[in-house]
Amino acid sequence: MEHAVEQPRVLLVEDEAKIAEFVLAGLREFHFDVTHCEDGESGLETFLTGAFDVVVLDVMLPKRNGFEVLQRIRQTHTEVGVLMLTAKSELADRLQGFELGADDYLPKPFYVEELIARIKALLHRRAPEAENRMAQGSLVLHLAERSVQWDGLTAILSQREFSLLSYLMRAPGHIYSRQQILKHVWGLDFDPETNVVDVCVGRIKRKLMRGHGHQEFPIESVRGVGYRLKTEVLK
């Protein structure tokens, strides 16, 4: 099944209701797929369980501040663009954000048109890297060739195998259910009788482990739940 081009996915983490309201309205008007969280804890959890192209992250948040959330994001995901919103204009705060991996800063108050322009710039800036290569430790996907490198071995993947592996690589350590994988890779609703996910993982394993029986397979089956990419073997 062929999929239409997806809307850019934006995670907005902002606790001020009025700001969140006008940002959500503006982004949706420009056809962004936006998810909103009101505190740092739920924002981080949502990021780790989803797949986002850009994170718009306020600095002053309840439960976890924006710097803490940013640091955790960069520990698990180096590709996503992160734009910080802040009511503070001090250089020290901006430098701290950049040191932790922020891509851009926008001080409050701001025009939503400028925010949209900056998000588009982030998407454009990240696109060449995302189009060519995706890596988690020593596990590397080459998008143009649809190939994977692992432990010195290179293998060509089918479209489904490639989509499944890249999906797991978006959030190493996160357990994706078979239902989530079916929906994302095959565009199917959950069918308890199908084993296509397990078969596809098996094909990936045969390709990655060919001649490398001593090396641990980076995808783990979580019984009764689904699959995850094992962070402990991504060296």
Protein backbone atom coordinates (compact mmCIF):
# COMPACT_ATOMS: atom_id res chain seq x y z
CA MET A 1 0.00 0.00 0.00
CA GLU A 2 1.40 3.36 -1.02
CA HIS A 3 1.28 6.22 1.46
CA ALA A 4 0.66 9.89 0.77
CA VAL A 5 3.31 12.41 1.80
CA GLU A 6 2.89 13.00 5.51
CA GLN A 7 2.45 16.44 7.05
CA PRO A 8 5.45 17.61 9.09
CA ARG A 9 4.88 16.47 12.67
CA VAL A 10 5.45 19.11 15.35
CA LEU A 11 5.44 18.59 19.11
CA LEU A 12 4.56 21.78 21.00
CA VAL A 13 5.46 21.76 24.71
CA GLU A 14 4.02 24.96 26.18
CA ASP A 15 2.17 25.51 29.45
CA GLU A 16 0.76 29.00 28.76
CA ALA A 17 -2.73 28.39 27.41
CA LYS A 18 -3.03 31.58 25.33
CA ILE A 19 0.32 31.06 23.61
CA ALA A 20 -0.43 27.40 22.94
CA GLU A 21 -3.82 28.28 21.50
CA PHE A 22 -2.58 30.77 18.91
CA VAL A 23 0.45 28.60 18.00
CA LEU A 24 -1.74 25.54 17.46
CA ALA A 25 -4.16 27.52 15.31
CA GLY A 26 -1.34 28.99 13.22
CA LEU A 27 0.51 25.73 12.66
CA ARG A 28 -2.64 23.82 11.75
CA GLU A 29 -3.62 26.55 9.30
CA PHE A 30 -0.30 25.87 7.53
CA HIS A 31 -1.00 22.12 7.52
CA PHE A 32 1.35 20.97 10.26
CA ASP A 33 0.38 17.89 12.25
CA VAL A 34 0.67 19.27 15.80
CA THR A 35 0.61 17.54 19.19
CA HIS A 36 0.45 19.73 22.30
CA CYS A 37 1.67 18.98 25.83
CA GLU A 38 1.34 21.31 28.83
CA ASP A 39 4.34 20.23 30.94
CA GLY A 40 7.85 18.89 30.48
CA GLU A 41 7.11 15.41 31.84
CA SER A 42 4.26 14.67 29.44
CA GLY A 43 6.15 16.42 26.62
CA LEU A 44 9.14 14.12 27.02
CA GLU A 45 6.95 11.03 27.30
CA THR A 46 5.04 12.02 24.17
CA PHE A 47 8.27 12.63 22.26
CA LEU A 48 9.71 9.26 23.24
CA THR A 49 6.56 7.42 22.15
CA GLY A 50 6.06 9.25 18.87
CA ALA A 51 7.93 10.34 15.77
CA PHE A 52 8.30 14.10 15.33
CA ASP A 53 10.13 16.27 12.82
CA VAL A 54 10.37 19.38 15.02
CA VAL A 55 9.93 20.07 18.74
CA VAL A 56 8.86 23.57 19.84
CA LEU A 57 9.88 23.62 23.48
CA ASP A 58 9.26 26.26 26.13
CA VAL A 59 12.05 26.76 28.69
CA MET A 60 9.96 27.45 31.78
CA LEU A 61 7.75 24.38 32.19
CA PRO A 62 6.19 22.59 35.16
CA LYS A 63 7.46 19.15 36.23
CA ARG A 64 10.54 19.27 33.95
CA ASN A 65 12.03 22.44 32.52
CA GLY A 66 12.82 22.77 28.84
CA PHE A 67 16.57 22.29 29.34
CA GLU A 68 16.00 18.93 31.04
CA VAL A 69 13.65 17.82 28.28
CA LEU A 70 16.10 18.96 25.59
CA GLN A 71 18.97 17.08 27.19
CA ARG A 72 16.93 13.87 27.28
CA ILE A 73 15.81 14.35 23.68
CA ARG A 74 19.39 14.69 22.49
CA GLN A 75 20.41 11.55 24.39
CA THR A 76 17.94 9.50 22.35
CA HIS A 77 17.42 11.38 19.10
CA THR A 78 20.00 13.52 17.30
CA GLU A 79 18.05 14.20 14.11
CA VAL A 80 14.95 16.09 15.28
CA GLY A 81 14.95 19.89 15.06
CA VAL A 82 14.40 21.66 18.40
CA LEU A 83 13.31 25.29 18.71
CA MET A 84 13.23 26.80 22.19
CA LEU A 85 10.68 29.40 23.32
CA THR A 86 11.69 31.62 26.20
CA ALA A 87 10.55 34.72 28.06
CA LYS A 88 14.18 35.18 29.10
CA SER A 89 16.56 37.02 26.81
CA GLU A 90 19.77 36.56 28.81
CA LEU A 91 22.72 35.32 26.77
CA ALA A 92 23.56 32.68 29.39
CA ASP A 93 20.18 30.99 28.93
CA ARG A 94 20.50 30.95 25.16
CA LEU A 95 24.04 29.57 25.36
CA GLN A 96 22.90 26.82 27.73
CA GLY A 97 20.22 25.78 25.28
CA PHE A 98 22.61 25.73 22.33
CA GLU A 99 25.16 23.73 24.33
CA LEU A 100 22.48 21.13 25.09
CA GLY A 101 21.62 20.84 21.40
CA ALA A 102 18.92 23.42 20.60
CA ASP A 103 18.80 24.44 16.95
CA ASP A 104 17.09 27.80 17.36
CA TYR A 105 15.66 30.22 19.92
CA LEU A 106 12.59 32.46 19.70
CA PRO A 107 11.96 34.97 22.51
CA LYS A 108 8.44 35.75 23.72
CA PRO A 109 6.35 37.55 22.61
CA PHE A 110 6.58 36.51 18.96
CA TYR A 111 4.52 36.39 15.79
CA VAL A 112 3.31 32.95 14.78
CA GLU A 113 4.40 33.72 11.20
CA GLU A 114 8.01 34.00 12.39
CA LEU A 115 7.69 30.73 14.31
CA ILE A 116 6.39 28.99 11.17
CA ALA A 117 9.26 30.44 9.11
CA ARG A 118 11.80 29.16 11.63
CA ILE A 119 10.20 25.70 11.72
CA LYS A 120 10.31 25.52 7.92
CA ALA A 121 13.97 26.53 8.02
CA LEU A 122 14.69 23.73 10.50
CA LEU A 123 12.91 21.21 8.30
CA HIS A 124 14.87 22.38 5.27
CA ARG A 125 18.16 22.36 7.17
CA ARG A 126 17.65 18.84 8.47
CA ALA A 127 16.29 17.38 5.24
CA PRO A 128 19.58 16.59 3.40
CA GLU A 129 20.92 14.66 6.38
CA ALA A 130 17.65 12.84 6.98
CA GLU A 131 17.33 11.94 3.31
CA ASN A 132 20.75 10.27 3.17
CA ARG A 133 21.53 8.68 6.50
CA MET A 134 20.00 7.62 9.78
CA ALA A 135 22.16 6.27 12.58
CA GLN A 136 21.85 4.96 16.12
CA GLY A 137 25.29 4.04 17.36
CA SER A 138 26.84 1.48 14.99
CA LEU A 139 23.50 0.72 13.33
CA VAL A 140 23.31 2.86 10.19
CA LEU A 141 20.60 3.15 7.53
CA HIS A 142 21.39 4.62 4.12
CA LEU A 143 18.13 5.93 2.78
CA ALA A 144 19.04 6.40 -0.86
CA GLU A 145 20.40 2.85 -1.21
CA ARG A 146 17.87 1.37 1.26
CA SER A 147 20.72 -0.45 2.93
CA VAL A 148 21.74 -1.10 6.53
CA GLN A 149 25.16 -1.43 8.16
CA TRP A 150 25.68 -3.41 11.34
CA ASP A 151 28.86 -4.89 12.81
CA GLY A 152 30.78 -4.47 9.56
CA LEU A 153 28.07 -6.05 7.42
CA THR A 154 25.99 -4.26 4.77
CA ALA A 155 22.61 -5.60 3.63
CA ILE A 156 19.95 -4.37 1.22
CA LEU A 157 16.47 -4.18 2.76
CA SER A 158 13.05 -4.41 1.20
CA GLN A 159 10.78 -1.37 1.52
CA ARG A 160 8.84 -2.95 4.42
CA GLU A 161 12.01 -4.05 6.21
CA PHE A 162 13.50 -0.61 5.78
CA SER A 163 10.35 1.14 7.04
CA LEU A 164 10.10 -1.13 10.08
CA LEU A 165 13.74 -0.72 11.08
CA SER A 166 13.73 3.05 10.57
CA TYR A 167 10.55 3.26 12.68
CA LEU A 168 12.23 1.45 15.59
CA MET A 169 15.33 3.62 15.20
CA ARG A 170 13.37 6.81 15.80
CA ALA A 171 13.16 6.04 19.52
CA PRO A 172 15.72 3.45 20.70
CA GLY A 173 14.58 1.60 23.80
CA HIS A 174 10.91 2.41 23.28
CA ILE A 175 8.64 -0.62 22.89
CA TYR A 176 6.42 -0.36 19.83
CA SER A 177 3.36 -2.59 19.83
CA ARG A 178 2.60 -4.78 16.83
CA GLN A 179 -0.48 -2.62 16.31
CA GLN A 180 1.65 0.53 16.03
CA ILE A 181 4.08 -1.15 13.64
CA LEU A 182 1.29 -2.52 11.47
CA LYS A 183 -0.30 0.91 11.25
CA HIS A 184 2.93 2.71 10.41
CA VAL A 185 4.60 0.21 8.06
CA TRP A 186 1.64 -1.48 6.38
CA GLY A 187 -1.11 1.08 6.95
CA LEU A 188 -3.23 -1.66 8.51
CA ASP A 189 -5.46 -1.72 11.55
CA PHE A 190 -4.68 -4.39 14.11
CA ASP A 191 -5.33 -7.97 13.06
CA PRO A 192 -4.63 -10.47 15.88
CA GLU A 193 -4.27 -13.29 13.34
CA THR A 194 -1.49 -11.75 11.27
CA ASN A 195 2.19 -12.42 11.90
CA VAL A 196 3.59 -10.16 9.18
CA VAL A 197 5.48 -8.04 11.73
CA ASP A 198 7.26 -11.09 13.18
CA VAL A 199 8.05 -12.42 9.71
CA CYS A 200 9.49 -9.06 8.65
CA VAL A 201 11.66 -8.84 11.79
CA GLY A 202 12.85 -12.37 11.08
CA ARG A 203 13.94 -11.38 7.58
CA ILE A 204 15.84 -8.37 8.95
CA LYS A 205 17.56 -10.64 11.47
CA ARG A 206 18.69 -13.10 8.82
CA LYS A 207 20.19 -10.29 6.77
CA LEU A 208 21.94 -8.57 9.69
CA MET A 209 23.22 -11.71 11.39
CA ARG A 210 24.53 -13.48 8.29
CA GLY A 211 27.99 -14.66 9.25
CA HIS A 212 27.80 -12.80 12.58
CA GLY A 213 26.22 -15.28 14.93
CA HIS A 214 28.31 -13.97 17.81
CA GLN A 215 26.90 -10.46 17.54
CA GLU A 216 23.73 -9.62 19.44
CA PHE A 217 20.74 -8.74 17.26
CA PRO A 218 19.75 -5.10 17.90
CA ILE A 219 15.97 -5.71 17.77
CA GLU A 220 14.38 -7.30 20.83
CA SER A 221 11.01 -9.02 20.94
CA VAL A 222 9.04 -8.07 24.06
CA ARG A 223 6.70 -10.96 24.64
CA GLY A 224 3.04 -10.09 24.37
CA VAL A 225 3.78 -6.49 23.48
CA GLY A 226 5.94 -5.84 20.43
CA TYR A 227 9.50 -4.84 19.57
CA ARG A 228 12.17 -2.36 20.59
CA LEU A 229 15.64 -1.35 19.49
CA LYS A 230 18.07 -2.35 22.25
CA THR A 231 20.05 0.70 23.33
CA GLU A 232 22.55 -1.48 25.20
CA VAL A 233 23.96 -2.97 22.00
CA LEU A 234 24.07 0.29 19.98
CA LYS A 235 27.71 1.11 20.63
